[in-house]
């Protein structure tokens, strides 16, 4: 399990909002949802790239300053800036 998930015993607290930008290379997670403050064309672009609820995403490569980061999702390699990745909530894989 990831150290970024808050644990209570063996249960992950459901209220915890873990975002995609917090993962490190090699970690996998499922897309939980896209933040409600992400609207319009930006939201549609993320969904078109495969960031839809239930999709498995893995951190592949992170640039030296953590921006951008490449994510493997649905067989493709997608680079997102930290601000974009912070709008995607995840749950453990």
N, C-alpha and C. Protein backbone atom coordinates (compact mmCIF):
# COMPACT_ATOMS: atom_id res chain seq x y z
N UNK A 1 0.85 -1.18 0.00
CA UNK A 1 0.00 0.00 0.00
C UNK A 1 0.89 1.24 0.00
N UNK A 2 0.38 2.35 -0.45
CA UNK A 2 1.17 3.57 -0.51
C UNK A 2 1.25 4.24 0.85
N UNK A 3 2.39 4.85 1.12
CA UNK A 3 2.52 5.58 2.36
C UNK A 3 1.70 6.86 2.35
N UNK A 4 1.23 7.28 1.17
CA UNK A 4 0.47 8.52 1.08
C UNK A 4 -0.98 8.35 1.50
N UNK A 5 -1.45 7.10 1.57
CA UNK A 5 -2.82 6.86 1.99
C UNK A 5 -2.87 6.84 3.52
N UNK A 6 -3.80 7.59 4.08
CA UNK A 6 -3.96 7.59 5.52
C UNK A 6 -4.63 6.28 5.92
N UNK A 7 -4.09 5.62 6.93
CA UNK A 7 -4.64 4.33 7.35
C UNK A 7 -5.19 4.41 8.76
N UNK A 8 -6.23 3.67 9.00
CA UNK A 8 -6.78 3.50 10.33
C UNK A 8 -6.88 2.00 10.50
N UNK A 9 -5.89 1.41 11.18
CA UNK A 9 -5.78 -0.03 11.21
C UNK A 9 -5.41 -0.50 9.83
N UNK A 10 -6.20 -1.37 9.23
CA UNK A 10 -5.94 -1.84 7.88
C UNK A 10 -6.85 -1.16 6.86
N UNK A 11 -7.74 -0.32 7.33
CA UNK A 11 -8.71 0.33 6.46
C UNK A 11 -8.17 1.68 5.98
N UNK A 12 -8.43 2.00 4.73
CA UNK A 12 -8.08 3.33 4.21
C UNK A 12 -9.26 4.24 4.48
N UNK A 13 -9.00 5.38 5.06
CA UNK A 13 -10.07 6.32 5.36
C UNK A 13 -10.65 6.83 4.05
N UNK A 14 -11.94 6.68 3.89
CA UNK A 14 -12.58 7.02 2.61
C UNK A 14 -12.59 8.52 2.33
N UNK A 15 -12.51 9.35 3.37
CA UNK A 15 -12.54 10.79 3.15
C UNK A 15 -11.22 11.33 2.64
N UNK A 16 -10.16 10.53 2.71
CA UNK A 16 -8.86 11.03 2.28
C UNK A 16 -8.87 11.29 0.78
N UNK A 17 -8.39 12.43 0.38
CA UNK A 17 -8.36 12.81 -1.02
C UNK A 17 -6.92 12.70 -1.51
N UNK A 18 -6.60 11.56 -2.06
CA UNK A 18 -5.27 11.34 -2.58
C UNK A 18 -5.31 11.67 -4.06
N UNK A 19 -4.34 12.46 -4.49
CA UNK A 19 -4.34 12.92 -5.88
C UNK A 19 -3.20 12.28 -6.66
N UNK A 20 -3.37 12.22 -7.96
CA UNK A 20 -2.43 11.57 -8.86
C UNK A 20 -1.02 12.15 -8.77
N UNK A 21 -0.90 13.43 -8.56
CA UNK A 21 0.42 14.07 -8.52
C UNK A 21 1.27 13.62 -7.33
N UNK A 22 0.67 12.93 -6.34
CA UNK A 22 1.41 12.48 -5.17
C UNK A 22 2.09 11.13 -5.35
N UNK A 23 1.74 10.40 -6.41
CA UNK A 23 2.34 9.10 -6.64
C UNK A 23 3.80 9.24 -7.09
N UNK A 24 4.59 8.21 -6.82
CA UNK A 24 5.97 8.19 -7.26
C UNK A 24 6.13 7.13 -8.36
N UNK A 25 7.17 7.21 -9.17
CA UNK A 25 7.35 6.25 -10.26
C UNK A 25 7.28 4.80 -9.78
N UNK A 26 6.52 4.00 -10.53
CA UNK A 26 6.33 2.60 -10.22
C UNK A 26 5.03 2.30 -9.48
N UNK A 27 4.44 3.31 -8.87
CA UNK A 27 3.18 3.09 -8.15
C UNK A 27 2.00 3.09 -9.11
N UNK A 28 0.98 2.30 -8.76
CA UNK A 28 -0.24 2.21 -9.55
C UNK A 28 -1.43 2.58 -8.68
N UNK A 29 -2.47 3.09 -9.32
CA UNK A 29 -3.70 3.44 -8.62
C UNK A 29 -4.85 3.44 -9.63
N UNK A 30 -6.05 3.46 -9.10
CA UNK A 30 -7.23 3.59 -9.94
C UNK A 30 -7.73 5.02 -9.88
N UNK A 31 -8.19 5.53 -11.01
CA UNK A 31 -8.78 6.86 -11.03
C UNK A 31 -10.11 6.78 -10.29
N UNK A 32 -10.27 7.63 -9.30
CA UNK A 32 -11.50 7.67 -8.52
C UNK A 32 -12.48 8.66 -9.15
N UNK A 33 -12.00 9.89 -9.37
CA UNK A 33 -12.82 10.91 -10.03
C UNK A 33 -11.96 12.11 -10.39
N UNK A 34 -12.50 12.93 -11.25
CA UNK A 34 -11.86 14.20 -11.60
C UNK A 34 -12.52 15.26 -10.72
N UNK A 35 -11.72 16.12 -10.16
CA UNK A 35 -12.21 17.16 -9.26
C UNK A 35 -13.32 17.99 -9.91
N UNK A 36 -14.34 18.36 -9.14
CA UNK A 36 -15.43 19.18 -9.68
C UNK A 36 -15.00 20.55 -10.18
N UNK A 37 -13.86 21.07 -9.67
CA UNK A 37 -13.40 22.38 -10.14
C UNK A 37 -12.73 22.31 -11.51
N UNK A 38 -12.54 21.12 -12.04
CA UNK A 38 -12.01 20.92 -13.39
C UNK A 38 -13.20 20.80 -14.33
N UNK A 39 -13.44 21.82 -15.11
CA UNK A 39 -14.62 21.86 -15.97
C UNK A 39 -14.25 22.14 -17.43
N UNK A 40 -15.23 21.99 -18.29
CA UNK A 40 -15.09 22.37 -19.68
C UNK A 40 -14.10 21.56 -20.46
N UNK A 41 -13.32 22.26 -21.29
CA UNK A 41 -12.41 21.61 -22.22
C UNK A 41 -11.30 20.85 -21.50
N UNK A 42 -10.86 21.35 -20.34
CA UNK A 42 -9.81 20.67 -19.59
C UNK A 42 -10.31 19.31 -19.08
N UNK A 43 -11.52 19.27 -18.55
CA UNK A 43 -12.12 18.03 -18.06
C UNK A 43 -12.29 17.04 -19.21
N UNK A 44 -12.79 17.53 -20.33
CA UNK A 44 -13.02 16.67 -21.49
C UNK A 44 -11.70 16.10 -22.01
N UNK A 45 -10.64 16.89 -22.02
CA UNK A 45 -9.34 16.42 -22.48
C UNK A 45 -8.84 15.29 -21.60
N UNK A 46 -8.93 15.45 -20.27
CA UNK A 46 -8.49 14.40 -19.35
C UNK A 46 -9.28 13.12 -19.57
N UNK A 47 -10.57 13.25 -19.78
CA UNK A 47 -11.40 12.07 -20.02
C UNK A 47 -11.07 11.43 -21.36
N UNK A 48 -10.82 12.22 -22.37
CA UNK A 48 -10.45 11.69 -23.69
C UNK A 48 -9.12 10.94 -23.63
N UNK A 49 -8.21 11.36 -22.75
CA UNK A 49 -6.92 10.71 -22.60
C UNK A 49 -7.02 9.41 -21.80
N UNK A 50 -8.18 9.14 -21.21
CA UNK A 50 -8.39 7.89 -20.49
C UNK A 50 -8.53 8.03 -18.99
N UNK A 51 -8.48 9.22 -18.46
CA UNK A 51 -8.59 9.43 -17.02
C UNK A 51 -10.07 9.46 -16.62
N UNK A 52 -10.67 8.29 -16.67
CA UNK A 52 -12.07 8.12 -16.29
C UNK A 52 -12.12 7.20 -15.06
N UNK A 53 -13.15 7.32 -14.23
CA UNK A 53 -13.24 6.49 -13.03
C UNK A 53 -13.07 5.00 -13.33
N UNK A 54 -12.22 4.35 -12.54
CA UNK A 54 -11.97 2.92 -12.69
C UNK A 54 -10.76 2.57 -13.52
N UNK A 55 -10.17 3.54 -14.21
CA UNK A 55 -9.00 3.27 -15.05
C UNK A 55 -7.75 3.09 -14.19
N UNK A 56 -6.94 2.11 -14.55
CA UNK A 56 -5.68 1.88 -13.85
C UNK A 56 -4.62 2.80 -14.43
N UNK A 57 -3.91 3.50 -13.57
CA UNK A 57 -2.87 4.43 -14.00
C UNK A 57 -1.59 4.13 -13.22
N UNK A 58 -0.44 4.23 -13.92
CA UNK A 58 0.85 3.98 -13.30
C UNK A 58 1.80 5.12 -13.64
N UNK A 59 2.59 5.53 -12.67
CA UNK A 59 3.59 6.57 -12.90
C UNK A 59 4.79 5.90 -13.56
N UNK A 60 5.15 6.37 -14.74
CA UNK A 60 6.27 5.81 -15.49
C UNK A 60 7.55 6.61 -15.29
N UNK A 61 7.51 7.89 -15.66
CA UNK A 61 8.71 8.73 -15.66
C UNK A 61 8.36 10.09 -15.06
N UNK A 62 9.25 10.60 -14.24
CA UNK A 62 9.06 11.94 -13.69
C UNK A 62 10.27 12.78 -14.06
N UNK A 63 10.03 13.97 -14.56
CA UNK A 63 11.15 14.84 -14.92
C UNK A 63 11.86 15.32 -13.66
N UNK A 64 13.06 15.86 -13.79
CA UNK A 64 13.86 16.24 -12.61
C UNK A 64 13.15 17.16 -11.62
N UNK A 65 12.34 18.06 -12.11
CA UNK A 65 11.64 18.98 -11.20
C UNK A 65 10.19 18.59 -10.98
N UNK A 66 9.85 17.31 -11.26
CA UNK A 66 8.53 16.73 -11.05
C UNK A 66 7.46 17.32 -11.97
N UNK A 67 7.84 18.02 -13.00
CA UNK A 67 6.84 18.63 -13.86
C UNK A 67 7.37 18.70 -15.29
N UNK A 68 6.85 17.97 -16.23
CA UNK A 68 5.69 17.07 -16.15
C UNK A 68 6.09 15.66 -15.71
N UNK A 69 5.07 14.83 -15.54
CA UNK A 69 5.23 13.42 -15.20
C UNK A 69 4.49 12.60 -16.24
N UNK A 70 5.09 11.47 -16.64
CA UNK A 70 4.46 10.59 -17.63
C UNK A 70 3.72 9.47 -16.91
N UNK A 71 2.48 9.25 -17.31
CA UNK A 71 1.61 8.23 -16.73
C UNK A 71 1.23 7.22 -17.80
N UNK A 72 1.25 5.94 -17.44
CA UNK A 72 0.78 4.90 -18.34
C UNK A 72 -0.68 4.63 -18.01
N UNK A 73 -1.54 4.81 -19.01
CA UNK A 73 -2.97 4.59 -18.82
C UNK A 73 -3.57 4.05 -20.11
N UNK A 74 -4.30 2.97 -20.00
CA UNK A 74 -4.96 2.33 -21.13
C UNK A 74 -4.02 2.08 -22.30
N UNK A 75 -2.81 1.65 -22.01
CA UNK A 75 -1.84 1.31 -23.04
C UNK A 75 -1.07 2.48 -23.62
N UNK A 76 -1.40 3.69 -23.22
CA UNK A 76 -0.71 4.87 -23.73
C UNK A 76 0.16 5.51 -22.66
N UNK A 77 1.06 6.37 -23.09
CA UNK A 77 1.92 7.11 -22.19
C UNK A 77 1.56 8.59 -22.31
N UNK A 78 1.02 9.16 -21.23
CA UNK A 78 0.50 10.52 -21.24
C UNK A 78 1.28 11.37 -20.24
N UNK A 79 1.75 12.53 -20.66
CA UNK A 79 2.46 13.45 -19.77
C UNK A 79 1.49 14.53 -19.30
N UNK A 80 1.47 14.73 -17.98
CA UNK A 80 0.63 15.78 -17.39
C UNK A 80 1.48 16.65 -16.48
N UNK A 81 1.15 17.90 -16.44
CA UNK A 81 1.78 18.80 -15.49
C UNK A 81 1.19 18.54 -14.11
N UNK A 82 1.90 18.92 -13.09
CA UNK A 82 1.47 18.67 -11.71
C UNK A 82 0.10 19.28 -11.43
N UNK A 83 -0.17 20.48 -11.94
CA UNK A 83 -1.45 21.14 -11.70
C UNK A 83 -2.61 20.34 -12.31
N UNK A 84 -2.37 19.70 -13.46
CA UNK A 84 -3.40 18.86 -14.07
C UNK A 84 -3.59 17.58 -13.27
N UNK A 85 -2.49 16.93 -12.89
CA UNK A 85 -2.57 15.68 -12.14
C UNK A 85 -3.19 15.88 -10.76
N UNK A 86 -3.08 17.08 -10.21
CA UNK A 86 -3.65 17.34 -8.89
C UNK A 86 -5.18 17.41 -8.94
N UNK A 87 -5.74 17.44 -10.11
CA UNK A 87 -7.21 17.49 -10.25
C UNK A 87 -7.81 16.09 -10.39
N UNK A 88 -6.97 15.06 -10.34
CA UNK A 88 -7.44 13.67 -10.50
C UNK A 88 -7.28 12.96 -9.15
N UNK A 89 -8.40 12.55 -8.56
CA UNK A 89 -8.37 11.80 -7.31
C UNK A 89 -8.23 10.32 -7.60
N UNK A 90 -7.46 9.62 -6.76
CA UNK A 90 -7.17 8.21 -6.99
C UNK A 90 -7.47 7.37 -5.76
N UNK A 91 -7.54 6.06 -5.98
CA UNK A 91 -7.65 5.09 -4.89
C UNK A 91 -6.60 4.01 -5.14
N UNK A 92 -6.18 3.28 -4.11
CA UNK A 92 -5.11 2.30 -4.27
C UNK A 92 -5.46 1.15 -5.22
N UNK A 93 -4.44 0.65 -5.91
CA UNK A 93 -4.64 -0.46 -6.85
C UNK A 93 -4.44 -1.77 -6.11
